[in-house]
Amino acid sequence: MVETNRDDIVTSIVGPEKIWDVIIVGGGATGLGAAVDAASRGYKTILLEQADFAKGTSSRSTKLVHGGVRYLAQGDIGLVREALYERGLLLKNAPHLVKNESFIIPNYEWWGGAFYTIGLTIYDLLAGKLGFGRAKHISKKDVIAKLSTINQKGLYGGVVYHDGQFDDSRLAVNLAQTALEQGATVLNYFKVVSLLKSDQQKITGVVVTDVETGQSYELKGKTVINATGVFVDNLLQMDKPGKRAMVRPSQGVHIVLDRSFMPGEDALMIPKTEDGRVLFAVPWHDKLVVGTTDTPLNEHSLEPRALEEEIEFIIRTAKKYLTKVPTRKDVLSVFAGLRPLAAPEGGSSKTKEISRSHKLLVSESGLITITGGKWTTYRRMGEDTIDKAIEIGKLITKPSVTKDLPIHGSKTNVDRNDHLYVYGSDEEAILALLKENSEWARKLHPDMPYLKVEVVWAVRHEMARSVEDVLARRVRALFLNARAAIDMAPEVASLIAKELGKNKAWEVEQVQTFTDLANGYLLEPYHP
């Protein structure tokens, strides 16, 4: 096991002689991908995240590893081909978290079957030998057999195609562990507060504050990478005050329902909703995730909130296609995420028209900013970013090795009926902890599968520091059933407090903070 003791890591980062090859700011998909790429090439790498890994957009996705069917419709063949290639690599390198999922597009127009079968056959062909399976047309009877709750009125048939599905924040945690194993230094709750510059105004490092202790540190580096997602403009402003905003956030919202609304193993894909976006209903951890919306916003936050009209839109759209109609009181959790889309130049503000391909920019000071992209292409984004860092920082050139690098926990043949499968090869070590305390084998909540031992593991080996870190991102309780998560908070706080040596006041404060946060994931407040 690699060292994840925070105090020891913090002690190791300082030293007057220490110069990092690569300083990465941001611990979401992009930053973590860059850290794994840099460290595995042998560069001296540190990653700094102001909150927890994947706290922002990277834990709030539709849980798909996909080429992007709608980018194909927009004619962006290059982006689709790249994403399908990366999808194949992700299945190979993190098989414990990524699975091949079948999606059904129901056809309510007579021409729909042929139209979507042709389009999705092209989609499969673009994947080449990393394909997940061929698209095919199926009869109305087959659609009903697979999706028992589908609206049958006017249904002609359907098309089945294959894409990937995964657990986003679990992958983020595993990438942080992979980066550590490759020799990187990785810290959450470390906030960059300013940039260090030479007399020639070139970036030479960062000033960072440990959010937990308030202590500040100066870190020197040959390159600084801005991988802060929707927050990229904050760092760009530090670099050059008054710079025009580069990112315009667009909010995507998902609601989570019980599986009884769509009990099969297949996912549903609606290619064109009234707002022009696709809508997915995807089985995930024994619940159903339905989304997403596309709402341009003018501000960004670490904890975005679903707007009333977004919730109404998802429920209204689901109502059109499902015979079991969800109502507001059926919503177990609602989560919102912000996409960092390039700010529109001049005219168009339609966010669905802005490309999701990633962009790399280098400021006059040498600050490298990576923006755009999506989870599926995180590895490629990391590789491109470090290639740029080699050029800017005049580092010794070494090739990227991440195409064939297994991600921490990588294990084939996982048993998806056992919820511990998401830990992959770590599962045995987690169960071995029960020798230390058999009480940890108990469940945290009768309606959820999670065990007490997972909290202990999250603190000891996955750098979790708070109730939220555990219940939102190490286990996914907050995203699957926010009421149950609130009920679990006191027990989780008590387990963390014992591990970190915190007092009762800390526990009380943690439970209160988490309860307030979790109520933002509910349509009606819940205070047990």
Protein backbone atom coordinates (compact mmCIF):
# COMPACT_ATOMS: atom_id res chain seq x y z
CA MET A 1 0.00 0.00 0.00
CA VAL A 2 1.26 3.40 -0.93
CA GLU A 3 1.60 6.10 1.76
CA THR A 4 -1.57 8.20 2.08
CA ASN A 5 -0.92 9.72 5.50
CA ARG A 6 -1.63 13.39 4.97
CA ASP A 7 0.76 14.75 7.60
CA ASP A 8 3.66 12.77 6.14
CA ILE A 9 2.84 13.91 2.59
CA VAL A 10 2.62 17.56 3.70
CA THR A 11 5.98 17.34 5.50
CA SER A 12 7.57 15.96 2.33
CA ILE A 13 6.54 18.82 0.00
CA VAL A 14 8.69 21.57 1.44
CA GLY A 15 12.39 22.18 1.15
CA PRO A 16 14.32 25.17 -0.18
CA GLU A 17 15.97 23.06 -2.88
CA LYS A 18 12.81 21.34 -4.05
CA ILE A 19 11.76 22.17 -7.60
CA TRP A 20 8.86 20.26 -9.15
CA ASP A 21 8.84 19.44 -12.87
CA VAL A 22 5.07 19.73 -12.94
CA ILE A 23 2.67 21.45 -10.52
CA ILE A 24 -0.94 20.58 -11.35
CA VAL A 25 -3.77 22.67 -9.93
CA GLY A 26 -7.11 20.81 -9.88
CA GLY A 27 -8.03 17.30 -8.76
CA GLY A 28 -10.82 16.40 -11.15
CA ALA A 29 -10.63 14.09 -14.16
CA THR A 30 -8.27 16.36 -16.10
CA GLY A 31 -5.80 17.14 -13.34
CA LEU A 32 -5.67 13.54 -12.13
CA GLY A 33 -5.15 12.31 -15.69
CA ALA A 34 -2.26 14.75 -16.11
CA ALA A 35 -0.75 13.69 -12.76
CA VAL A 36 -0.83 10.00 -13.68
CA ASP A 37 0.68 10.78 -17.09
CA ALA A 38 3.47 12.99 -15.69
CA ALA A 39 4.40 10.73 -12.78
CA SER A 40 4.38 7.56 -14.89
CA ARG A 41 6.83 9.24 -17.29
CA GLY A 42 9.12 9.90 -14.33
CA TYR A 43 8.58 13.64 -13.84
CA LYS A 44 8.57 15.10 -10.33
CA THR A 45 4.86 15.82 -10.01
CA ILE A 46 2.57 17.42 -7.43
CA LEU A 47 -1.20 17.81 -7.70
CA LEU A 48 -3.10 20.29 -5.52
CA GLU A 49 -6.89 20.24 -5.10
CA GLN A 50 -8.70 22.99 -3.15
CA ALA A 51 -11.50 20.66 -1.97
CA ASP A 52 -11.74 16.88 -2.46
CA PHE A 53 -10.88 14.90 -5.59
CA ALA A 54 -13.75 15.09 -8.11
CA LYS A 55 -15.68 17.43 -5.77
CA GLY A 56 -16.89 19.47 -8.75
CA THR A 57 -18.00 18.34 -12.18
CA SER A 58 -16.05 15.07 -12.11
CA SER A 59 -18.40 13.39 -9.60
CA ARG A 60 -21.56 14.70 -11.25
CA SER A 61 -21.52 13.12 -14.72
CA THR A 62 -24.15 10.94 -16.43
CA LYS A 63 -21.83 8.01 -15.52
CA LEU A 64 -21.15 7.19 -19.18
CA VAL A 65 -17.88 6.41 -20.93
CA HIS A 66 -18.96 7.19 -24.44
CA GLY A 67 -18.02 8.49 -27.85
CA GLY A 68 -20.93 10.91 -27.78
CA VAL A 69 -23.71 9.93 -30.14
CA ARG A 70 -24.80 13.55 -30.44
CA TYR A 71 -21.35 14.69 -31.57
CA LEU A 72 -21.73 12.19 -34.40
CA ALA A 73 -25.03 13.87 -35.29
CA GLN A 74 -23.16 17.21 -35.31
CA GLY A 75 -20.60 15.72 -37.70
CA ASP A 76 -17.66 15.86 -35.25
CA ILE A 77 -16.17 12.55 -36.44
CA GLY A 78 -12.68 13.23 -35.04
CA LEU A 79 -13.95 13.84 -31.51
CA VAL A 80 -16.15 10.72 -31.63
CA ARG A 81 -13.34 8.51 -32.94
CA GLU A 82 -10.94 9.75 -30.24
CA ALA A 83 -13.51 9.23 -27.49
CA LEU A 84 -14.41 5.72 -28.69
CA TYR A 85 -10.72 4.78 -28.72
CA GLU A 86 -10.32 6.12 -25.17
CA ARG A 87 -13.49 4.29 -24.10
CA GLY A 88 -11.85 1.03 -25.18
CA LEU A 89 -8.65 1.81 -23.26
CA LEU A 90 -10.63 2.67 -20.13
CA LEU A 91 -12.48 -0.65 -20.22
CA LYS A 92 -9.09 -2.38 -20.55
CA ASN A 93 -7.31 -0.39 -17.80
CA ALA A 94 -10.13 -0.07 -15.22
CA PRO A 95 -12.42 -3.07 -15.84
CA HIS A 96 -13.59 -3.01 -12.21
CA LEU A 97 -15.26 0.37 -12.78
CA VAL A 98 -16.20 0.39 -16.47
CA LYS A 99 -18.73 -1.93 -18.05
CA ASN A 100 -20.29 -2.47 -21.45
CA GLU A 101 -23.89 -1.22 -21.22
CA SER A 102 -26.62 -1.76 -23.82
CA PHE A 103 -28.77 1.26 -24.70
CA ILE A 104 -32.14 1.20 -26.39
CA ILE A 105 -33.48 4.02 -28.55
CA PRO A 106 -37.26 3.53 -28.89
CA ASN A 107 -38.66 4.54 -32.31
CA TYR A 108 -41.94 6.41 -32.41
CA GLU A 109 -41.55 7.35 -36.09
CA TRP A 110 -41.70 4.68 -38.79
CA TRP A 111 -38.37 5.81 -40.25
CA GLY A 112 -36.57 5.91 -36.88
CA GLY A 113 -35.32 2.33 -36.92
CA ALA A 114 -33.40 2.58 -40.18
CA PHE A 115 -32.15 6.11 -39.45
CA TYR A 116 -30.65 5.30 -36.04
CA THR A 117 -29.37 1.85 -37.07
CA ILE A 118 -27.35 3.42 -39.88
CA GLY A 119 -26.00 6.21 -37.65
CA LEU A 120 -25.06 3.85 -34.83
CA THR A 121 -23.44 1.37 -37.21
CA ILE A 122 -21.10 4.21 -38.22
CA TYR A 123 -20.55 4.87 -34.49
CA ASP A 124 -19.47 1.23 -33.99
CA LEU A 125 -17.24 1.24 -37.07
CA LEU A 126 -15.41 4.32 -35.76
CA ALA A 127 -14.46 2.34 -32.64
CA GLY A 128 -12.56 -0.19 -34.79
CA LYS A 129 -11.24 -3.16 -32.85
CA LEU A 130 -12.05 -1.47 -29.53
CA GLY A 131 -15.78 -1.70 -30.34
CA PHE A 132 -18.29 -2.69 -27.64
CA GLY A 133 -20.72 -4.53 -29.98
CA ARG A 134 -22.78 -3.82 -33.07
CA ALA A 135 -25.96 -1.76 -33.14
CA LYS A 136 -29.06 -3.56 -34.33
CA HIS A 137 -32.71 -2.89 -35.01
CA ILE A 138 -35.18 -4.70 -32.73
CA SER A 139 -38.94 -5.21 -32.95
CA LYS A 140 -41.58 -3.50 -30.83
CA LYS A 141 -42.04 -6.80 -28.97
CA ASP A 142 -38.30 -6.95 -28.14
CA VAL A 143 -38.27 -3.32 -26.93
CA ILE A 144 -41.15 -4.10 -24.54
CA ALA A 145 -39.44 -7.30 -23.34
CA LYS A 146 -36.28 -5.33 -22.48
CA LEU A 147 -37.96 -2.14 -21.19
CA SER A 148 -41.13 -3.36 -19.48
CA THR A 149 -42.20 0.15 -18.44
CA ILE A 150 -41.75 1.79 -21.88
CA ASN A 151 -44.68 3.76 -23.30
CA GLN A 152 -46.08 1.46 -26.02
CA LYS A 153 -48.39 3.96 -27.66
CA GLY A 154 -47.14 4.67 -31.21
CA LEU A 155 -44.02 2.53 -30.67
CA TYR A 156 -42.67 0.99 -33.90
CA GLY A 157 -39.57 -0.77 -32.59
CA GLY A 158 -36.12 0.27 -31.43
CA VAL A 159 -32.38 0.21 -31.89
CA VAL A 160 -29.94 -1.36 -29.44
CA TYR A 161 -26.37 -0.05 -29.29
CA HIS A 162 -23.50 -0.37 -26.81
CA ASP A 163 -21.56 2.16 -24.79
CA GLY A 164 -19.63 2.29 -21.53
CA GLN A 165 -20.85 2.99 -18.03
CA PHE A 166 -18.72 3.71 -14.95
CA ASP A 167 -18.48 5.23 -11.48
CA ASP A 168 -16.91 8.67 -11.89
CA SER A 169 -15.65 9.64 -8.44
CA ARG A 170 -14.44 6.09 -7.74
CA LEU A 171 -12.32 6.37 -10.88
CA ALA A 172 -11.02 9.73 -9.61
CA VAL A 173 -9.97 8.15 -6.29
CA ASN A 174 -8.27 5.28 -8.12
CA LEU A 175 -6.43 7.75 -10.37
CA ALA A 176 -5.17 9.63 -7.30
CA GLN A 177 -3.91 6.29 -5.93
CA THR A 178 -2.33 5.43 -9.30
CA ALA A 179 -0.55 8.81 -9.38
CA LEU A 180 0.80 8.17 -5.84
CA GLU A 181 2.00 4.71 -6.85
CA GLN A 182 3.79 6.23 -9.83
CA GLY A 183 5.62 8.61 -7.49
CA ALA A 184 3.46 11.74 -7.63
CA THR A 185 2.57 13.81 -4.57
CA VAL A 186 -1.19 14.30 -4.39
CA LEU A 187 -3.03 16.52 -1.88
CA ASN A 188 -6.67 17.40 -1.41
CA TYR A 189 -7.73 20.46 0.61
CA PHE A 190 -4.73 22.43 -0.64
CA LYS A 191 -5.78 25.70 -2.25
CA VAL A 192 -3.57 27.71 -4.58
CA VAL A 193 -3.86 31.34 -3.48
CA SER A 194 -1.32 33.04 -5.76
CA LEU A 195 1.31 32.44 -8.41
CA LEU A 196 5.04 32.93 -8.03
CA LYS A 197 6.76 34.79 -10.89
CA SER A 198 10.29 35.69 -11.91
CA ASP A 199 11.50 39.22 -12.67
CA GLN A 200 10.64 38.47 -16.30
CA GLN A 201 7.05 37.70 -15.20
CA LYS A 202 7.39 34.00 -15.97
CA ILE A 203 5.65 31.56 -13.63
CA THR A 204 8.04 29.85 -11.24
CA GLY A 205 5.59 28.18 -8.86
CA VAL A 206 2.57 28.66 -6.60
CA VAL A 207 1.66 29.76 -3.09
CA VAL A 208 -0.68 27.22 -1.57
CA THR A 209 -2.63 27.08 1.70
CA ASP A 210 -3.45 23.90 3.58
CA VAL A 211 -7.19 24.38 4.11
CA GLU A 212 -7.11 22.19 7.24
CA THR A 213 -4.35 24.01 9.12
CA GLY A 214 -4.27 27.43 7.46
CA GLN A 215 -0.51 27.00 6.91
CA SER A 216 0.87 28.41 3.62
CA TYR A 217 3.69 27.03 1.48
CA GLU A 218 5.67 28.25 -1.52
CA LEU A 219 6.20 25.53 -4.10
CA LYS A 220 8.63 26.08 -6.97
CA GLY A 221 8.07 24.40 -10.30
CA LYS A 222 9.28 24.33 -13.90
CA THR A 223 5.66 24.26 -15.13
CA VAL A 224 2.26 25.06 -13.64
CA ILE A 225 -0.86 23.46 -15.11
CA ASN A 226 -4.30 25.00 -14.65
CA ALA A 227 -6.70 22.03 -14.72
CA THR A 228 -9.43 23.55 -12.58
CA GLY A 229 -12.45 22.88 -14.83
CA VAL A 230 -15.11 25.55 -14.45
CA PHE A 231 -12.68 27.48 -12.22
CA VAL A 232 -9.95 27.96 -14.86
CA ASP A 233 -10.70 31.68 -15.07
CA ASN A 234 -9.86 32.16 -11.36
CA LEU A 235 -6.27 31.09 -11.98
CA LEU A 236 -6.11 32.98 -15.27
CA GLN A 237 -7.16 36.13 -13.36
CA MET A 238 -4.36 35.55 -10.83
CA ASP A 239 -2.00 35.32 -13.78
CA LYS A 240 -3.37 38.33 -15.64
CA PRO A 241 -6.04 40.41 -13.86
CA GLY A 242 -8.83 41.62 -16.13
CA LYS A 243 -8.47 38.80 -18.68
CA ARG A 244 -11.68 37.95 -20.57
CA ALA A 245 -13.42 34.83 -19.24
CA MET A 246 -12.57 31.69 -21.14
CA VAL A 247 -15.27 29.42 -19.74
CA ARG A 248 -19.02 29.71 -19.66
CA PRO A 249 -20.49 27.09 -17.35
CA SER A 250 -23.46 25.02 -18.51
CA GLN A 251 -25.39 23.08 -15.88
CA GLY A 252 -26.42 19.48 -16.28
CA VAL A 253 -28.89 18.00 -13.79
CA HIS A 254 -29.78 14.37 -13.04
CA ILE A 255 -32.48 12.86 -10.87
CA VAL A 256 -32.15 9.45 -9.23
CA LEU A 257 -35.11 7.09 -8.97
CA ASP A 258 -35.80 3.61 -7.70
CA ARG A 259 -35.10 0.85 -10.26
CA SER A 260 -38.82 -0.06 -10.37
CA PHE A 261 -39.33 2.84 -12.82
CA MET A 262 -37.28 0.89 -15.38
CA PRO A 263 -36.36 -2.53 -13.97
CA GLY A 264 -34.37 -4.11 -16.83
CA GLU A 265 -30.61 -4.19 -17.35
CA ASP A 266 -30.75 -1.96 -20.44
CA ALA A 267 -30.47 1.82 -20.48
CA LEU A 268 -32.85 4.13 -22.35
CA MET A 269 -31.63 6.85 -24.70
CA ILE A 270 -33.94 9.54 -26.06
CA PRO A 271 -32.06 11.18 -28.94
CA LYS A 272 -34.05 14.39 -29.15
CA THR A 273 -35.90 16.05 -26.30
CA GLU A 274 -37.74 19.38 -26.42
CA ASP A 275 -34.53 21.26 -25.51
CA GLY A 276 -32.61 19.46 -28.28
CA ARG A 277 -30.40 17.43 -25.94
CA VAL A 278 -30.33 13.68 -25.56
CA LEU A 279 -31.83 12.25 -22.37
CA PHE A 280 -30.55 9.08 -20.71
CA ALA A 281 -32.13 6.78 -18.14
CA VAL A 282 -29.31 4.52 -16.96
CA PRO A 283 -29.28 1.77 -14.32
CA TRP A 284 -26.50 2.61 -11.85
CA HIS A 285 -25.73 0.95 -8.49
CA ASP A 286 -29.24 -0.52 -8.40
CA LYS A 287 -30.91 2.85 -8.96
CA LEU A 288 -31.92 4.72 -12.11
CA VAL A 289 -30.10 7.93 -13.11
CA VAL A 290 -32.14 10.16 -15.44
CA GLY A 291 -30.69 13.23 -17.15
CA THR A 292 -29.29 15.49 -18.32
CA THR A 293 -30.29 19.11 -18.85
CA ASP A 294 -28.36 21.92 -20.49
CA THR A 295 -28.75 25.31 -18.84
CA PRO A 296 -26.28 28.16 -19.46
CA LEU A 297 -25.25 29.84 -16.19
CA ASN A 298 -23.36 33.03 -15.49
CA GLU A 299 -21.66 31.93 -12.31
CA HIS A 300 -20.03 28.76 -11.07
CA SER A 301 -19.82 27.16 -7.64
CA LEU A 302 -18.45 24.04 -5.99
CA GLU A 303 -21.97 23.01 -5.02
CA PRO A 304 -24.35 23.90 -7.87
CA ARG A 305 -28.08 23.48 -7.32
CA ALA A 306 -30.69 22.11 -9.70
CA LEU A 307 -33.15 24.71 -10.92
CA GLU A 308 -36.86 24.06 -10.60
CA GLU A 309 -37.37 24.11 -14.38
CA GLU A 310 -34.61 21.51 -14.88
CA ILE A 311 -36.25 19.07 -12.47
CA GLU A 312 -39.63 19.67 -14.12
CA PHE A 313 -38.11 19.12 -17.58
CA ILE A 314 -36.61 15.73 -16.62
CA ILE A 315 -39.82 14.53 -14.94
CA ARG A 316 -41.91 15.76 -17.89
CA THR A 317 -39.67 14.03 -20.42
CA ALA A 318 -39.58 10.78 -18.42
CA LYS A 319 -43.38 10.90 -18.28
CA LYS A 320 -43.54 10.81 -22.09
CA TYR A 321 -41.58 7.56 -22.32
CA LEU A 322 -42.29 5.58 -19.13
CA THR A 323 -45.62 4.05 -18.07
CA LYS A 324 -44.60 4.26 -14.42
CA VAL A 325 -44.57 8.01 -14.07
CA PRO A 326 -42.10 9.55 -11.60
CA THR A 327 -43.31 12.35 -9.35
CA ARG A 328 -41.30 14.75 -7.22
CA LYS A 329 -41.69 12.58 -4.12
CA ASP A 330 -40.09 9.63 -5.95
CA VAL A 331 -36.81 11.49 -6.40
CA LEU A 332 -34.18 9.92 -4.13
CA SER A 333 -31.47 12.42 -5.02
CA VAL A 334 -30.92 15.22 -7.51
CA PHE A 335 -27.44 16.34 -8.48
CA ALA A 336 -26.16 19.18 -10.62
CA GLY A 337 -22.81 19.46 -12.39
CA LEU A 338 -21.20 22.25 -14.39
CA ARG A 339 -19.57 21.66 -17.76
CA PRO A 340 -16.64 23.95 -18.49
CA LEU A 341 -17.60 24.98 -22.02
CA ALA A 342 -15.56 27.48 -23.99
CA ALA A 343 -17.15 30.93 -23.64
CA PRO A 344 -18.93 31.71 -26.92
CA GLU A 345 -17.13 34.10 -29.23
CA GLY A 346 -19.55 36.87 -30.14
CA GLY A 347 -22.88 35.39 -31.11
CA SER A 348 -24.11 31.88 -30.26
CA SER A 349 -24.91 31.10 -26.65
CA LYS A 350 -26.35 27.66 -27.37
CA THR A 351 -24.18 25.49 -25.15
CA LYS A 352 -25.04 22.27 -26.95
CA GLU A 353 -23.37 23.73 -30.07
CA ILE A 354 -20.07 24.39 -28.31
CA SER A 355 -17.60 21.58 -28.96
CA ARG A 356 -16.57 19.33 -26.10
CA SER A 357 -13.12 18.74 -27.52
CA HIS A 358 -10.40 19.95 -25.18
CA LYS A 359 -8.28 23.06 -25.63
CA LEU A 360 -4.75 23.77 -24.42
CA LEU A 361 -3.61 27.35 -23.95
CA VAL A 362 -0.30 28.77 -22.82
CA SER A 363 -0.28 32.27 -21.29
CA GLU A 364 2.58 34.74 -21.79
CA SER A 365 3.76 33.82 -18.30
CA GLY A 366 4.00 30.14 -19.26
CA LEU A 367 0.86 29.08 -17.34
CA ILE A 368 -0.60 26.03 -19.14
CA THR A 369 -4.40 25.85 -19.11
CA ILE A 370 -6.36 22.78 -20.19
CA THR A 371 -10.12 23.09 -20.55
CA GLY A 372 -13.12 21.39 -22.16
CA GLY A 373 -13.18 17.67 -22.77
CA LYS A 374 -15.03 15.03 -20.78
CA TRP A 375 -14.36 12.06 -18.54
CA THR A 376 -14.03 9.62 -21.45
CA THR A 377 -11.05 11.48 -22.89
CA TYR A 378 -9.33 12.32 -19.57
CA ARG A 379 -6.27 10.14 -20.40
CA ARG A 380 -5.69 11.77 -23.77
CA MET A 381 -6.11 15.22 -22.21
CA GLY A 382 -3.49 14.32 -19.60
CA GLU A 383 -1.07 13.12 -22.26
CA ASP A 384 -1.53 16.24 -24.43
CA THR A 385 -1.10 18.50 -21.38
CA ILE A 386 2.15 16.85 -20.28
CA ASP A 387 3.48 16.93 -23.88
CA LYS A 388 2.92 20.70 -23.71
CA ALA A 389 4.57 20.90 -20.25
CA ILE A 390 7.68 19.15 -21.62
CA GLU A 391 7.91 21.83 -24.30
CA ILE A 392 7.22 24.82 -22.01
CA GLY A 393 9.32 23.60 -19.05
CA LYS A 394 12.13 22.26 -21.27
CA LEU A 395 11.85 18.90 -19.51
CA ILE A 396 13.76 15.85 -20.76
CA THR A 397 11.42 14.23 -23.28
CA LYS A 398 9.95 10.89 -22.21
CA PRO A 399 7.03 9.13 -23.94
CA SER A 400 3.60 8.71 -22.34
CA VAL A 401 2.92 5.19 -21.02
CA THR A 402 -0.70 5.52 -19.88
CA LYS A 403 -2.30 3.66 -22.82
CA ASP A 404 -1.29 0.37 -21.25
CA LEU A 405 -1.10 1.43 -17.59
CA PRO A 406 -3.62 -0.42 -15.39
CA ILE A 407 -5.42 1.92 -13.01
CA HIS A 408 -5.26 1.19 -9.26
CA GLY A 409 -7.74 -1.55 -8.37
CA SER A 410 -7.81 -2.92 -11.93
CA LYS A 411 -9.36 -6.39 -11.88
CA THR A 412 -11.35 -8.35 -14.43
CA ASN A 413 -14.27 -10.65 -13.59
CA VAL A 414 -15.71 -8.61 -10.75
CA ASP A 415 -18.99 -9.73 -9.21
CA ARG A 416 -21.31 -6.78 -9.73
CA ASN A 417 -23.89 -8.27 -7.36
CA ASP A 418 -21.49 -7.57 -4.50
CA HIS A 419 -21.33 -3.80 -3.99
CA LEU A 420 -17.65 -4.02 -2.98
CA TYR A 421 -16.76 -4.73 -6.63
CA VAL A 422 -15.91 -1.04 -7.13
CA TYR A 423 -12.76 -1.55 -5.05
CA GLY A 424 -11.45 -4.10 -7.55
CA SER A 425 -8.23 -5.67 -6.32
CA ASP A 426 -8.48 -3.78 -2.99
CA GLU A 427 -11.55 -5.76 -1.90
CA GLU A 428 -9.54 -8.47 -0.11
CA ALA A 429 -7.57 -5.89 1.87
CA ILE A 430 -10.81 -4.18 2.93
CA LEU A 431 -12.29 -7.44 4.18
CA ALA A 432 -9.00 -8.21 5.97
CA LEU A 433 -9.55 -5.06 8.06
CA LEU A 434 -12.48 -6.84 9.72
CA LYS A 435 -9.94 -8.90 11.68
CA GLU A 436 -9.10 -5.64 13.47
CA ASN A 437 -12.74 -5.04 14.41
CA SER A 438 -15.60 -7.37 13.48
CA GLU A 439 -18.12 -4.60 14.32
CA TRP A 440 -17.05 -2.90 11.08
CA ALA A 441 -18.83 -5.62 9.08
CA ARG A 442 -22.17 -4.00 9.96
CA LYS A 443 -24.14 -1.95 7.46
CA LEU A 444 -24.31 1.83 7.84
CA HIS A 445 -28.00 1.87 6.80
CA PRO A 446 -30.62 -0.85 6.20
CA ASP A 447 -31.52 0.56 2.75
CA MET A 448 -27.96 0.77 1.48
CA PRO A 449 -25.23 -1.89 1.09
CA TYR A 450 -22.33 0.12 2.54
CA LEU A 451 -20.38 -1.23 5.51
CA LYS A 452 -18.61 0.56 8.37
CA VAL A 453 -15.28 -0.88 7.23
CA GLU A 454 -15.55 1.17 4.01
CA VAL A 455 -15.40 4.38 6.06
CA VAL A 456 -12.21 3.24 7.81
CA TRP A 457 -10.70 2.21 4.45
CA ALA A 458 -11.64 5.55 2.87
CA VAL A 459 -9.82 7.47 5.60
CA ARG A 460 -6.75 5.21 5.76
CA HIS A 461 -6.20 4.53 2.07
CA GLU A 462 -8.31 6.93 -0.01
CA MET A 463 -7.52 10.30 1.60
CA ALA A 464 -11.10 10.98 2.76
CA ARG A 465 -11.18 13.79 5.32
CA SER A 466 -14.88 14.47 5.98
CA VAL A 467 -18.34 12.91 6.12
CA GLU A 468 -19.03 14.41 2.70
CA ASP A 469 -15.86 12.90 1.19
CA VAL A 470 -17.01 9.47 2.31
CA LEU A 471 -20.75 9.63 1.63
CA ALA A 472 -20.60 11.60 -1.62
CA ARG A 473 -17.49 10.28 -3.37
CA ARG A 474 -15.90 7.20 -1.68
CA VAL A 475 -19.26 5.48 -1.39
CA ARG A 476 -22.04 7.06 -3.47
CA ALA A 477 -24.81 7.29 -0.87
CA LEU A 478 -25.48 11.02 -1.30
CA PHE A 479 -25.98 10.61 -5.05
CA LEU A 480 -28.16 7.50 -4.73
CA ASN A 481 -30.35 8.22 -1.72
CA ALA A 482 -29.79 11.52 0.03
CA ARG A 483 -32.17 10.77 2.93
CA ALA A 484 -30.34 7.55 3.76
CA ALA A 485 -27.05 9.45 3.52
CA ILE A 486 -28.28 11.96 6.12
CA ASP A 487 -29.24 9.07 8.42
CA MET A 488 -25.75 7.58 8.02
CA ALA A 489 -23.86 10.81 8.79
CA PRO A 490 -23.55 10.48 12.62
CA GLU A 491 -22.11 6.95 12.41
CA VAL A 492 -19.72 7.97 9.61
CA ALA A 493 -18.60 11.06 11.56
CA SER A 494 -17.89 8.92 14.62
CA LEU A 495 -15.79 6.42 12.61
CA ILE A 496 -13.79 9.20 10.91
CA ALA A 497 -13.26 11.02 14.22
CA LYS A 498 -11.71 7.88 15.74
CA GLU A 499 -9.38 7.47 12.75
CA LEU A 500 -8.30 11.13 12.61
CA GLY A 501 -8.29 11.81 16.35
CA LYS A 502 -11.07 14.42 16.20
CA ASN A 503 -13.28 15.42 19.14
CA LYS A 504 -17.06 15.32 19.67
CA ALA A 505 -17.49 18.96 18.62
CA TRP A 506 -15.91 18.12 15.25
CA GLU A 507 -18.38 15.23 14.83
CA VAL A 508 -21.39 17.42 15.58
CA GLU A 509 -20.20 20.11 13.19
CA GLN A 510 -19.55 17.53 10.45
CA VAL A 511 -23.03 16.01 10.77
CA GLN A 512 -24.65 19.45 10.64
CA THR A 513 -22.60 20.55 7.63
CA PHE A 514 -23.35 17.34 5.76
CA THR A 515 -27.09 17.46 6.58
CA ASP A 516 -27.30 21.00 5.21
CA LEU A 517 -25.42 19.96 2.07
CA ALA A 518 -27.48 16.79 1.51
CA ASN A 519 -30.73 18.71 1.78
CA GLY A 520 -29.66 20.46 -1.41
CA TYR A 521 -29.91 17.03 -3.11
CA LEU A 522 -33.54 16.64 -2.02
CA LEU A 523 -36.71 18.23 -3.32
CA GLU A 524 -38.21 18.32 0.18
CA PRO A 525 -36.04 19.01 3.25
CA TYR A 526 -35.28 16.09 5.57
CA HIS A 527 -34.16 16.44 9.16
CA PRO A 528 -34.26 13.10 11.02
